[in-house]
């Protein structure tokens, strides 16, 4: 039985080492890709910091990768989170959204943050500075409320 466990351990170690040669494509676009979003929504400085710290890694074309992204299968797990996050809301594609979509995306952003679904707990475990305080959540909600007026007006000019 002891030999079997040693062999199994060795096989698992070999598999782990081999998998380290397989990498997912990185989300390493230019951080400037968020500029259209920032210019159009004009967040105050405190909200910009929150967005950069808690949102842009998964919701833009630029991710700041932690050291443990070099380890397979962690890199696959992170890539899946980023793919899903960008699929829901990608600030780098802000100009591709209609005014109605922009309004909806901002409403969803506010709701997800208010309900503390975002940022994901799995993200805040390793990015403690991304965990939002009540004051930060209120700042995001106030900013979103102000910006949404613009898109509601653009959709329904009186």
C-alpha atoms as a PDB file:
ATOM      1  CA  UNK A   1       0.000   0.000   0.000  1.00  0.00           C
ATOM      2  CA  UNK A   2       2.869   2.347   0.845  1.00  0.00           C
ATOM      3  CA  UNK A   3       4.467   1.710  -2.570  1.00  0.00           C
ATOM      4  CA  UNK A   4       1.169   2.435  -4.292  1.00  0.00           C
ATOM      5  CA  UNK A   5       0.829   5.775  -2.493  1.00  0.00           C
ATOM      6  CA  UNK A   6       4.412   6.715  -3.374  1.00  0.00           C
ATOM      7  CA  UNK A   7       3.802   5.861  -7.044  1.00  0.00           C
ATOM      8  CA  UNK A   8       0.542   7.782  -7.055  1.00  0.00           C
ATOM      9  CA  UNK A   9       2.289  10.768  -5.471  1.00  0.00           C
ATOM     10  CA  UNK A  10       5.067  10.592  -8.063  1.00  0.00           C
ATOM     11  CA  UNK A  11       2.560  10.387 -10.936  1.00  0.00           C
ATOM     12  CA  UNK A  12       0.650  13.378  -9.559  1.00  0.00           C
ATOM     13  CA  UNK A  13       3.890  15.338  -9.170  1.00  0.00           C
ATOM     14  CA  UNK A  14       4.901  14.574 -12.770  1.00  0.00           C
ATOM     15  CA  UNK A  15       1.458  15.614 -14.016  1.00  0.00           C
ATOM     16  CA  UNK A  16       1.663  18.843 -11.987  1.00  0.00           C
ATOM     17  CA  UNK A  17       5.112  19.652 -13.412  1.00  0.00           C
ATOM     18  CA  UNK A  18       3.997  18.933 -16.991  1.00  0.00           C
ATOM     19  CA  UNK A  19       0.901  21.128 -16.635  1.00  0.00           C
ATOM     20  CA  UNK A  20       3.144  24.076 -15.740  1.00  0.00           C
ATOM     21  CA  UNK A  21       4.128  24.255 -19.423  1.00  0.00           C
ATOM     22  CA  UNK A  22       0.534  24.964 -20.439  1.00  0.00           C
ATOM     23  CA  UNK A  23      -0.629  28.547 -20.039  1.00  0.00           C
ATOM     24  CA  UNK A  24      -3.792  30.456 -20.768  1.00  0.00           C
ATOM     25  CA  UNK A  25      -3.560  33.613 -22.816  1.00  0.00           C
ATOM     26  CA  UNK A  26      -3.164  36.654 -20.593  1.00  0.00           C
ATOM     27  CA  UNK A  27      -5.492  39.637 -20.519  1.00  0.00           C
ATOM     28  CA  UNK A  28      -2.632  42.078 -20.887  1.00  0.00           C
ATOM     29  CA  UNK A  29      -4.022  44.847 -23.062  1.00  0.00           C
ATOM     30  CA  UNK A  30      -3.208  48.481 -22.494  1.00  0.00           C
ATOM     31  CA  UNK A  31      -4.647  50.165 -19.391  1.00  0.00           C
ATOM     32  CA  UNK A  32      -5.387  53.142 -21.666  1.00  0.00           C
ATOM     33  CA  UNK A  33      -8.302  51.071 -22.970  1.00  0.00           C
ATOM     34  CA  UNK A  34     -10.336  52.277 -19.969  1.00  0.00           C
ATOM     35  CA  UNK A  35      -9.880  55.952 -20.868  1.00  0.00           C
ATOM     36  CA  UNK A  36     -13.080  56.230 -22.936  1.00  0.00           C
ATOM     37  CA  UNK A  37     -15.083  54.875 -19.998  1.00  0.00           C
ATOM     38  CA  UNK A  38     -13.403  57.254 -17.555  1.00  0.00           C
ATOM     39  CA  UNK A  39     -13.840  60.229 -19.851  1.00  0.00           C
ATOM     40  CA  UNK A  40     -17.497  59.465 -20.580  1.00  0.00           C
ATOM     41  CA  UNK A  41     -18.511  58.710 -16.981  1.00  0.00           C
ATOM     42  CA  UNK A  42     -16.155  61.191 -15.274  1.00  0.00           C
ATOM     43  CA  UNK A  43     -15.850  59.486 -11.882  1.00  0.00           C
ATOM     44  CA  UNK A  44     -14.475  61.525  -8.995  1.00  0.00           C
ATOM     45  CA  UNK A  45     -10.932  60.640  -7.950  1.00  0.00           C
ATOM     46  CA  UNK A  46     -12.010  58.410  -5.047  1.00  0.00           C
ATOM     47  CA  UNK A  47     -14.260  56.367  -7.358  1.00  0.00           C
ATOM     48  CA  UNK A  48     -11.474  56.104  -9.976  1.00  0.00           C
ATOM     49  CA  UNK A  49      -9.261  54.538  -7.319  1.00  0.00           C
ATOM     50  CA  UNK A  50     -12.017  52.090  -6.377  1.00  0.00           C
ATOM     51  CA  UNK A  51     -12.598  51.131 -10.015  1.00  0.00           C
ATOM     52  CA  UNK A  52      -8.880  50.602 -10.618  1.00  0.00           C
ATOM     53  CA  UNK A  53      -8.431  48.595  -7.426  1.00  0.00           C
ATOM     54  CA  UNK A  54     -11.623  46.534  -7.381  1.00  0.00           C
ATOM     55  CA  UNK A  55     -13.015  46.368 -10.929  1.00  0.00           C
ATOM     56  CA  UNK A  56     -10.617  46.813 -13.818  1.00  0.00           C
ATOM     57  CA  UNK A  57      -8.647  43.565 -13.366  1.00  0.00           C
ATOM     58  CA  UNK A  58     -11.682  41.490 -14.383  1.00  0.00           C
ATOM     59  CA  UNK A  59     -13.771  44.046 -16.243  1.00  0.00           C
ATOM     60  CA  UNK A  60     -11.275  45.556 -18.700  1.00  0.00           C
ATOM     61  CA  UNK A  61      -8.725  44.465 -21.284  1.00  0.00           C
ATOM     62  CA  UNK A  62      -5.909  44.978 -18.759  1.00  0.00           C
ATOM     63  CA  UNK A  63      -5.260  42.754 -15.744  1.00  0.00           C
ATOM     64  CA  UNK A  64      -2.590  43.141 -13.071  1.00  0.00           C
ATOM     65  CA  UNK A  65      -1.652  39.513 -12.467  1.00  0.00           C
ATOM     66  CA  UNK A  66      -0.531  38.275  -9.055  1.00  0.00           C
ATOM     67  CA  UNK A  67       2.507  36.013  -8.710  1.00  0.00           C
ATOM     68  CA  UNK A  68       0.364  32.904  -8.278  1.00  0.00           C
ATOM     69  CA  UNK A  69      -0.991  33.305 -11.808  1.00  0.00           C
ATOM     70  CA  UNK A  70       2.171  31.458 -12.863  1.00  0.00           C
ATOM     71  CA  UNK A  71       0.857  28.252 -11.320  1.00  0.00           C
ATOM     72  CA  UNK A  72      -1.362  25.911 -13.296  1.00  0.00           C
ATOM     73  CA  UNK A  73      -4.294  25.294 -12.595  1.00  0.00           C
ATOM     74  CA  UNK A  74      -4.661  28.653 -10.805  1.00  0.00           C
ATOM     75  CA  UNK A  75      -3.998  30.517 -14.048  1.00  0.00           C
ATOM     76  CA  UNK A  76      -6.908  28.683 -15.714  1.00  0.00           C
ATOM     77  CA  UNK A  77      -9.208  29.581 -12.831  1.00  0.00           C
ATOM     78  CA  UNK A  78      -8.208  33.264 -13.020  1.00  0.00           C
ATOM     79  CA  UNK A  79      -8.574  33.329 -16.797  1.00  0.00           C
ATOM     80  CA  UNK A  80     -12.094  31.951 -16.469  1.00  0.00           C
ATOM     81  CA  UNK A  81     -13.022  34.649 -13.927  1.00  0.00           C
ATOM     82  CA  UNK A  82     -11.656  37.351 -16.208  1.00  0.00           C
ATOM     83  CA  UNK A  83     -13.397  35.925 -19.278  1.00  0.00           C
ATOM     84  CA  UNK A  84     -16.699  35.812 -17.418  1.00  0.00           C
ATOM     85  CA  UNK A  85     -16.221  39.303 -15.932  1.00  0.00           C
ATOM     86  CA  UNK A  86     -15.457  40.847 -19.312  1.00  0.00           C
ATOM     87  CA  UNK A  87     -18.429  39.015 -20.792  1.00  0.00           C
ATOM     88  CA  UNK A  88     -20.725  40.709 -18.298  1.00  0.00           C
ATOM     89  CA  UNK A  89     -19.183  44.171 -18.380  1.00  0.00           C
ATOM     90  CA  UNK A  90     -16.026  45.323 -20.158  1.00  0.00           C
ATOM     91  CA  UNK A  91     -15.144  48.977 -19.598  1.00  0.00           C
ATOM     92  CA  UNK A  92     -12.586  48.718 -22.405  1.00  0.00           C
ATOM     93  CA  UNK A  93     -15.493  48.209 -24.823  1.00  0.00           C
ATOM     94  CA  UNK A  94     -17.499  51.116 -23.397  1.00  0.00           C
ATOM     95  CA  UNK A  95     -17.848  52.860 -26.767  1.00  0.00           C
ATOM     96  CA  UNK A  96     -19.346  49.683 -28.256  1.00  0.00           C
ATOM     97  CA  UNK A  97     -22.348  49.897 -25.918  1.00  0.00           C
ATOM     98  CA  UNK A  98     -25.472  51.855 -26.838  1.00  0.00           C
ATOM     99  CA  UNK A  99     -26.700  54.531 -24.426  1.00  0.00           C
ATOM    100  CA  UNK A 100     -29.356  52.088 -23.236  1.00  0.00           C
ATOM    101  CA  UNK A 101     -26.711  49.412 -22.601  1.00  0.00           C
ATOM    102  CA  UNK A 102     -24.468  51.916 -20.810  1.00  0.00           C
ATOM    103  CA  UNK A 103     -27.319  52.884 -18.521  1.00  0.00           C
ATOM    104  CA  UNK A 104     -28.099  49.228 -17.860  1.00  0.00           C
ATOM    105  CA  UNK A 105     -24.452  48.316 -17.205  1.00  0.00           C
ATOM    106  CA  UNK A 106     -24.094  51.146 -14.710  1.00  0.00           C
ATOM    107  CA  UNK A 107     -27.315  50.141 -12.970  1.00  0.00           C
ATOM    108  CA  UNK A 108     -26.028  46.558 -12.710  1.00  0.00           C
ATOM    109  CA  UNK A 109     -22.669  47.789 -11.427  1.00  0.00           C
ATOM    110  CA  UNK A 110     -24.382  49.719  -8.644  1.00  0.00           C
ATOM    111  CA  UNK A 111     -26.652  46.799  -7.734  1.00  0.00           C
ATOM    112  CA  UNK A 112     -23.807  44.248  -7.674  1.00  0.00           C
ATOM    113  CA  UNK A 113     -21.682  46.483  -5.464  1.00  0.00           C
ATOM    114  CA  UNK A 114     -24.580  47.403  -3.174  1.00  0.00           C
ATOM    115  CA  UNK A 115     -25.492  43.733  -2.707  1.00  0.00           C
ATOM    116  CA  UNK A 116     -21.783  42.992  -2.118  1.00  0.00           C
ATOM    117  CA  UNK A 117     -21.656  40.488  -4.977  1.00  0.00           C
ATOM    118  CA  UNK A 118     -18.806  42.510  -6.462  1.00  0.00           C
ATOM    119  CA  UNK A 119     -15.945  42.388  -6.172  1.00  0.00           C
ATOM    120  CA  UNK A 120     -16.036  38.636  -5.786  1.00  0.00           C
ATOM    121  CA  UNK A 121     -15.027  37.315  -2.375  1.00  0.00           C
ATOM    122  CA  UNK A 122     -12.432  35.107  -4.080  1.00  0.00           C
ATOM    123  CA  UNK A 123     -10.847  38.300  -5.456  1.00  0.00           C
ATOM    124  CA  UNK A 124     -10.856  40.164  -2.156  1.00  0.00           C
ATOM    125  CA  UNK A 125      -9.189  37.215  -0.373  1.00  0.00           C
ATOM    126  CA  UNK A 126      -5.993  38.032  -2.196  1.00  0.00           C
ATOM    127  CA  UNK A 127      -6.655  41.710  -2.926  1.00  0.00           C
ATOM    128  CA  UNK A 128      -7.617  43.065   0.480  1.00  0.00           C
ATOM    129  CA  UNK A 129      -7.553  46.634  -0.808  1.00  0.00           C
ATOM    130  CA  UNK A 130     -10.434  45.733  -3.164  1.00  0.00           C
ATOM    131  CA  UNK A 131     -12.811  44.961  -0.286  1.00  0.00           C
ATOM    132  CA  UNK A 132     -15.230  47.880  -0.282  1.00  0.00           C
ATOM    133  CA  UNK A 133     -16.258  49.805   2.786  1.00  0.00           C
ATOM    134  CA  UNK A 134     -19.770  51.180   3.249  1.00  0.00           C
ATOM    135  CA  UNK A 135     -18.452  54.647   2.362  1.00  0.00           C
ATOM    136  CA  UNK A 136     -16.895  53.372  -0.877  1.00  0.00           C
ATOM    137  CA  UNK A 137     -20.117  51.610  -1.837  1.00  0.00           C
ATOM    138  CA  UNK A 138     -22.045  54.809  -1.200  1.00  0.00           C
ATOM    139  CA  UNK A 139     -19.547  56.780  -3.333  1.00  0.00           C
ATOM    140  CA  UNK A 140     -20.051  54.346  -6.222  1.00  0.00           C
ATOM    141  CA  UNK A 141     -23.836  54.466  -5.868  1.00  0.00           C
ATOM    142  CA  UNK A 142     -23.843  58.291  -5.848  1.00  0.00           C
ATOM    143  CA  UNK A 143     -21.564  58.450  -8.875  1.00  0.00           C
ATOM    144  CA  UNK A 144     -23.640  55.892 -10.819  1.00  0.00           C
ATOM    145  CA  UNK A 145     -26.870  57.724  -9.987  1.00  0.00           C
ATOM    146  CA  UNK A 146     -25.421  60.962 -11.335  1.00  0.00           C
ATOM    147  CA  UNK A 147     -24.010  59.387 -14.509  1.00  0.00           C
ATOM    148  CA  UNK A 148     -27.184  57.432 -15.288  1.00  0.00           C
ATOM    149  CA  UNK A 149     -29.135  60.692 -15.595  1.00  0.00           C
ATOM    150  CA  UNK A 150     -27.052  61.451 -18.682  1.00  0.00           C
ATOM    151  CA  UNK A 151     -27.922  58.147 -20.378  1.00  0.00           C
ATOM    152  CA  UNK A 152     -31.596  58.312 -19.461  1.00  0.00           C
ATOM    153  CA  UNK A 153     -31.719  61.789 -20.979  1.00  0.00           C
ATOM    154  CA  UNK A 154     -29.875  60.704 -24.117  1.00  0.00           C
ATOM    155  CA  UNK A 155     -32.349  57.838 -24.595  1.00  0.00           C
ATOM    156  CA  UNK A 156     -35.423  59.992 -23.891  1.00  0.00           C
ATOM    157  CA  UNK A 157     -34.679  63.640 -24.755  1.00  0.00           C
ATOM    158  CA  UNK A 158     -37.624  65.880 -23.886  1.00  0.00           C
END
